């Protein structure tokens, strides 16, 4: 099994969340998720400035095998998107936890981070 960074939080639907401070988080998909998808060929990112609720399907990752919805693990406003993935979606396969972030979110409630899974809890789930 691939490494699961301890510093991140995780959702049951395989998104990871990195706390960037000041109520801002970066979100991506776990290494486990990208491995299950296979070679990623297309990424559809959310719209900048859009308000999202936890659990909303807000992005799409397509691989040679399937298209998969990406869900917002927390509620907030989309601050930034990783536009580099538009031209190089395979970066998700190469580096799911750093170069492969999908979007940044200004959280409605920063304490909601504590409701997500720890690395150990996520590892137990998969």
C-alpha atoms as a PDB file:
ATOM      1  CA  UNK A   1       0.000   0.000   0.000  1.00  0.00           C
ATOM      2  CA  UNK A   2       1.184   3.529  -0.751  1.00  0.00           C
ATOM      3  CA  UNK A   3       2.219   5.973   1.927  1.00  0.00           C
ATOM      4  CA  UNK A   4      -0.569   7.998   3.528  1.00  0.00           C
ATOM      5  CA  UNK A   5       0.809  11.320   4.794  1.00  0.00           C
ATOM      6  CA  UNK A   6       0.096  11.782   8.508  1.00  0.00           C
ATOM      7  CA  UNK A   7      -0.144  15.574   8.161  1.00  0.00           C
ATOM      8  CA  UNK A   8      -3.281  15.410   5.997  1.00  0.00           C
ATOM      9  CA  UNK A   9      -6.937  14.707   6.732  1.00  0.00           C
ATOM     10  CA  UNK A  10      -9.059  12.449   4.510  1.00  0.00           C
ATOM     11  CA  UNK A  11     -12.652  11.925   3.427  1.00  0.00           C
ATOM     12  CA  UNK A  12     -14.352   8.562   3.034  1.00  0.00           C
ATOM     13  CA  UNK A  13     -14.603   9.337  -0.704  1.00  0.00           C
ATOM     14  CA  UNK A  14     -10.757   9.443  -1.017  1.00  0.00           C
ATOM     15  CA  UNK A  15     -10.095  13.187  -1.043  1.00  0.00           C
ATOM     16  CA  UNK A  16      -7.224  14.545   1.054  1.00  0.00           C
ATOM     17  CA  UNK A  17      -7.159  17.935   2.784  1.00  0.00           C
ATOM     18  CA  UNK A  18      -4.037  19.958   3.688  1.00  0.00           C
ATOM     19  CA  UNK A  19      -4.482  22.810   6.173  1.00  0.00           C
ATOM     20  CA  UNK A  20      -2.728  25.862   4.681  1.00  0.00           C
ATOM     21  CA  UNK A  21      -3.621  28.127   7.638  1.00  0.00           C
ATOM     22  CA  UNK A  22      -6.051  31.028   8.010  1.00  0.00           C
ATOM     23  CA  UNK A  23      -9.035  28.787   7.235  1.00  0.00           C
ATOM     24  CA  UNK A  24      -7.679  27.809   3.803  1.00  0.00           C
ATOM     25  CA  UNK A  25      -7.138  24.205   2.700  1.00  0.00           C
ATOM     26  CA  UNK A  26      -5.829  22.474  -0.412  1.00  0.00           C
ATOM     27  CA  UNK A  27      -7.772  19.423  -1.630  1.00  0.00           C
ATOM     28  CA  UNK A  28      -6.725  16.541  -3.854  1.00  0.00           C
ATOM     29  CA  UNK A  29      -7.324  12.823  -4.298  1.00  0.00           C
ATOM     30  CA  UNK A  30      -5.407  10.197  -2.384  1.00  0.00           C
ATOM     31  CA  UNK A  31      -2.660   8.086  -3.876  1.00  0.00           C
ATOM     32  CA  UNK A  32      -4.976   5.100  -3.357  1.00  0.00           C
ATOM     33  CA  UNK A  33      -7.680   6.823  -5.448  1.00  0.00           C
ATOM     34  CA  UNK A  34      -5.353   7.703  -8.327  1.00  0.00           C
ATOM     35  CA  UNK A  35      -4.000   4.126  -8.346  1.00  0.00           C
ATOM     36  CA  UNK A  36      -7.551   2.738  -8.544  1.00  0.00           C
ATOM     37  CA  UNK A  37      -8.387   5.081 -11.427  1.00  0.00           C
ATOM     38  CA  UNK A  38      -5.304   4.235 -13.475  1.00  0.00           C
ATOM     39  CA  UNK A  39      -3.851   6.607 -16.063  1.00  0.00           C
ATOM     40  CA  UNK A  40      -5.573   9.979 -15.651  1.00  0.00           C
ATOM     41  CA  UNK A  41      -6.278  11.723 -18.957  1.00  0.00           C
ATOM     42  CA  UNK A  42      -8.571  14.656 -18.057  1.00  0.00           C
ATOM     43  CA  UNK A  43      -9.386  16.834 -15.042  1.00  0.00           C
ATOM     44  CA  UNK A  44     -12.392  19.161 -14.806  1.00  0.00           C
ATOM     45  CA  UNK A  45     -11.835  21.677 -12.011  1.00  0.00           C
ATOM     46  CA  UNK A  46     -14.468  23.625 -10.065  1.00  0.00           C
ATOM     47  CA  UNK A  47     -15.314  27.241 -10.870  1.00  0.00           C
ATOM     48  CA  UNK A  48     -13.340  29.908  -9.007  1.00  0.00           C
ATOM     49  CA  UNK A  49     -15.420  31.771  -6.457  1.00  0.00           C
ATOM     50  CA  UNK A  50     -18.148  29.144  -6.322  1.00  0.00           C
ATOM     51  CA  UNK A  51     -19.580  28.281  -2.920  1.00  0.00           C
ATOM     52  CA  UNK A  52     -19.651  24.561  -2.166  1.00  0.00           C
ATOM     53  CA  UNK A  53     -21.099  22.388   0.548  1.00  0.00           C
ATOM     54  CA  UNK A  54     -19.400  19.357   2.051  1.00  0.00           C
ATOM     55  CA  UNK A  55     -20.337  16.345  -0.062  1.00  0.00           C
ATOM     56  CA  UNK A  56     -21.048  18.301  -3.261  1.00  0.00           C
ATOM     57  CA  UNK A  57     -19.648  16.783  -6.471  1.00  0.00           C
ATOM     58  CA  UNK A  58     -17.528  19.700  -7.719  1.00  0.00           C
ATOM     59  CA  UNK A  59     -14.847  18.295 -10.031  1.00  0.00           C
ATOM     60  CA  UNK A  60     -14.283  15.321 -12.336  1.00  0.00           C
ATOM     61  CA  UNK A  61     -11.222  13.173 -12.899  1.00  0.00           C
ATOM     62  CA  UNK A  62     -11.253  10.937 -15.974  1.00  0.00           C
ATOM     63  CA  UNK A  63      -8.920   8.026 -16.526  1.00  0.00           C
ATOM     64  CA  UNK A  64      -8.602   5.471 -19.284  1.00  0.00           C
ATOM     65  CA  UNK A  65     -10.877   3.262 -17.139  1.00  0.00           C
ATOM     66  CA  UNK A  66     -13.574   5.590 -15.786  1.00  0.00           C
ATOM     67  CA  UNK A  67     -14.728   9.091 -14.910  1.00  0.00           C
ATOM     68  CA  UNK A  68     -14.952   9.819 -11.207  1.00  0.00           C
ATOM     69  CA  UNK A  69     -16.656  12.690  -9.403  1.00  0.00           C
ATOM     70  CA  UNK A  70     -14.568  14.559  -6.849  1.00  0.00           C
ATOM     71  CA  UNK A  71     -16.487  15.690  -3.779  1.00  0.00           C
ATOM     72  CA  UNK A  72     -15.774  18.698  -1.634  1.00  0.00           C
ATOM     73  CA  UNK A  73     -14.803  17.314   1.783  1.00  0.00           C
ATOM     74  CA  UNK A  74     -15.745  20.621   3.463  1.00  0.00           C
ATOM     75  CA  UNK A  75     -17.990  23.647   2.915  1.00  0.00           C
ATOM     76  CA  UNK A  76     -16.524  26.913   1.675  1.00  0.00           C
ATOM     77  CA  UNK A  77     -15.567  29.018  -1.347  1.00  0.00           C
ATOM     78  CA  UNK A  78     -13.207  27.945  -4.155  1.00  0.00           C
ATOM     79  CA  UNK A  79     -10.145  30.231  -3.949  1.00  0.00           C
ATOM     80  CA  UNK A  80      -7.815  28.622  -6.473  1.00  0.00           C
ATOM     81  CA  UNK A  81      -7.615  25.733  -8.914  1.00  0.00           C
ATOM     82  CA  UNK A  82      -4.534  23.848 -10.050  1.00  0.00           C
ATOM     83  CA  UNK A  83      -4.720  24.897 -13.698  1.00  0.00           C
ATOM     84  CA  UNK A  84      -1.507  22.961 -14.434  1.00  0.00           C
ATOM     85  CA  UNK A  85      -3.638  19.794 -14.293  1.00  0.00           C
ATOM     86  CA  UNK A  86      -5.637  20.969 -17.317  1.00  0.00           C
ATOM     87  CA  UNK A  87      -2.540  20.538 -19.508  1.00  0.00           C
ATOM     88  CA  UNK A  88      -0.910  17.727 -17.517  1.00  0.00           C
ATOM     89  CA  UNK A  89      -3.604  15.628 -15.796  1.00  0.00           C
ATOM     90  CA  UNK A  90      -1.071  12.803 -15.388  1.00  0.00           C
ATOM     91  CA  UNK A  91       0.505  14.845 -12.551  1.00  0.00           C
ATOM     92  CA  UNK A  92      -2.205  13.313 -10.361  1.00  0.00           C
ATOM     93  CA  UNK A  93      -0.705   9.886 -11.042  1.00  0.00           C
ATOM     94  CA  UNK A  94       2.856  11.098 -10.565  1.00  0.00           C
ATOM     95  CA  UNK A  95       2.418  13.068  -7.333  1.00  0.00           C
ATOM     96  CA  UNK A  96      -1.049  12.845  -5.785  1.00  0.00           C
ATOM     97  CA  UNK A  97      -0.100  14.748  -2.616  1.00  0.00           C
ATOM     98  CA  UNK A  98       1.917  17.732  -3.832  1.00  0.00           C
ATOM     99  CA  UNK A  99       1.765  18.620  -7.540  1.00  0.00           C
ATOM    100  CA  UNK A 100      -1.634  16.906  -7.758  1.00  0.00           C
ATOM    101  CA  UNK A 101      -3.700  19.239  -5.579  1.00  0.00           C
ATOM    102  CA  UNK A 102      -6.993  20.091  -7.293  1.00  0.00           C
ATOM    103  CA  UNK A 103      -8.325  23.228  -5.598  1.00  0.00           C
ATOM    104  CA  UNK A 104      -8.045  25.480  -2.567  1.00  0.00           C
ATOM    105  CA  UNK A 105     -11.011  26.236  -0.375  1.00  0.00           C
ATOM    106  CA  UNK A 106     -11.694  29.099   2.067  1.00  0.00           C
ATOM    107  CA  UNK A 107     -13.544  27.194   4.775  1.00  0.00           C
ATOM    108  CA  UNK A 108     -16.913  28.240   6.148  1.00  0.00           C
ATOM    109  CA  UNK A 109     -15.939  26.606   9.448  1.00  0.00           C
ATOM    110  CA  UNK A 110     -12.280  25.720  10.032  1.00  0.00           C
ATOM    111  CA  UNK A 111     -13.188  23.414  12.933  1.00  0.00           C
ATOM    112  CA  UNK A 112     -14.900  21.075  10.426  1.00  0.00           C
ATOM    113  CA  UNK A 113     -11.381  19.845   9.563  1.00  0.00           C
ATOM    114  CA  UNK A 114     -11.533  17.834  12.783  1.00  0.00           C
ATOM    115  CA  UNK A 115     -14.501  15.854  11.410  1.00  0.00           C
ATOM    116  CA  UNK A 116     -12.368  14.325   8.646  1.00  0.00           C
ATOM    117  CA  UNK A 117     -10.442  11.062   8.929  1.00  0.00           C
ATOM    118  CA  UNK A 118      -6.890  10.929  10.253  1.00  0.00           C
ATOM    119  CA  UNK A 119      -4.277   9.053   8.212  1.00  0.00           C
ATOM    120  CA  UNK A 120      -4.691   6.000  10.467  1.00  0.00           C
ATOM    121  CA  UNK A 121      -8.483   6.042  10.141  1.00  0.00           C
ATOM    122  CA  UNK A 122      -8.230   6.406   6.353  1.00  0.00           C
ATOM    123  CA  UNK A 123      -5.689   3.569   6.146  1.00  0.00           C
ATOM    124  CA  UNK A 124      -8.065   1.346   8.118  1.00  0.00           C
ATOM    125  CA  UNK A 125     -10.890   2.203   5.695  1.00  0.00           C
ATOM    126  CA  UNK A 126      -8.974   1.256   2.562  1.00  0.00           C
END
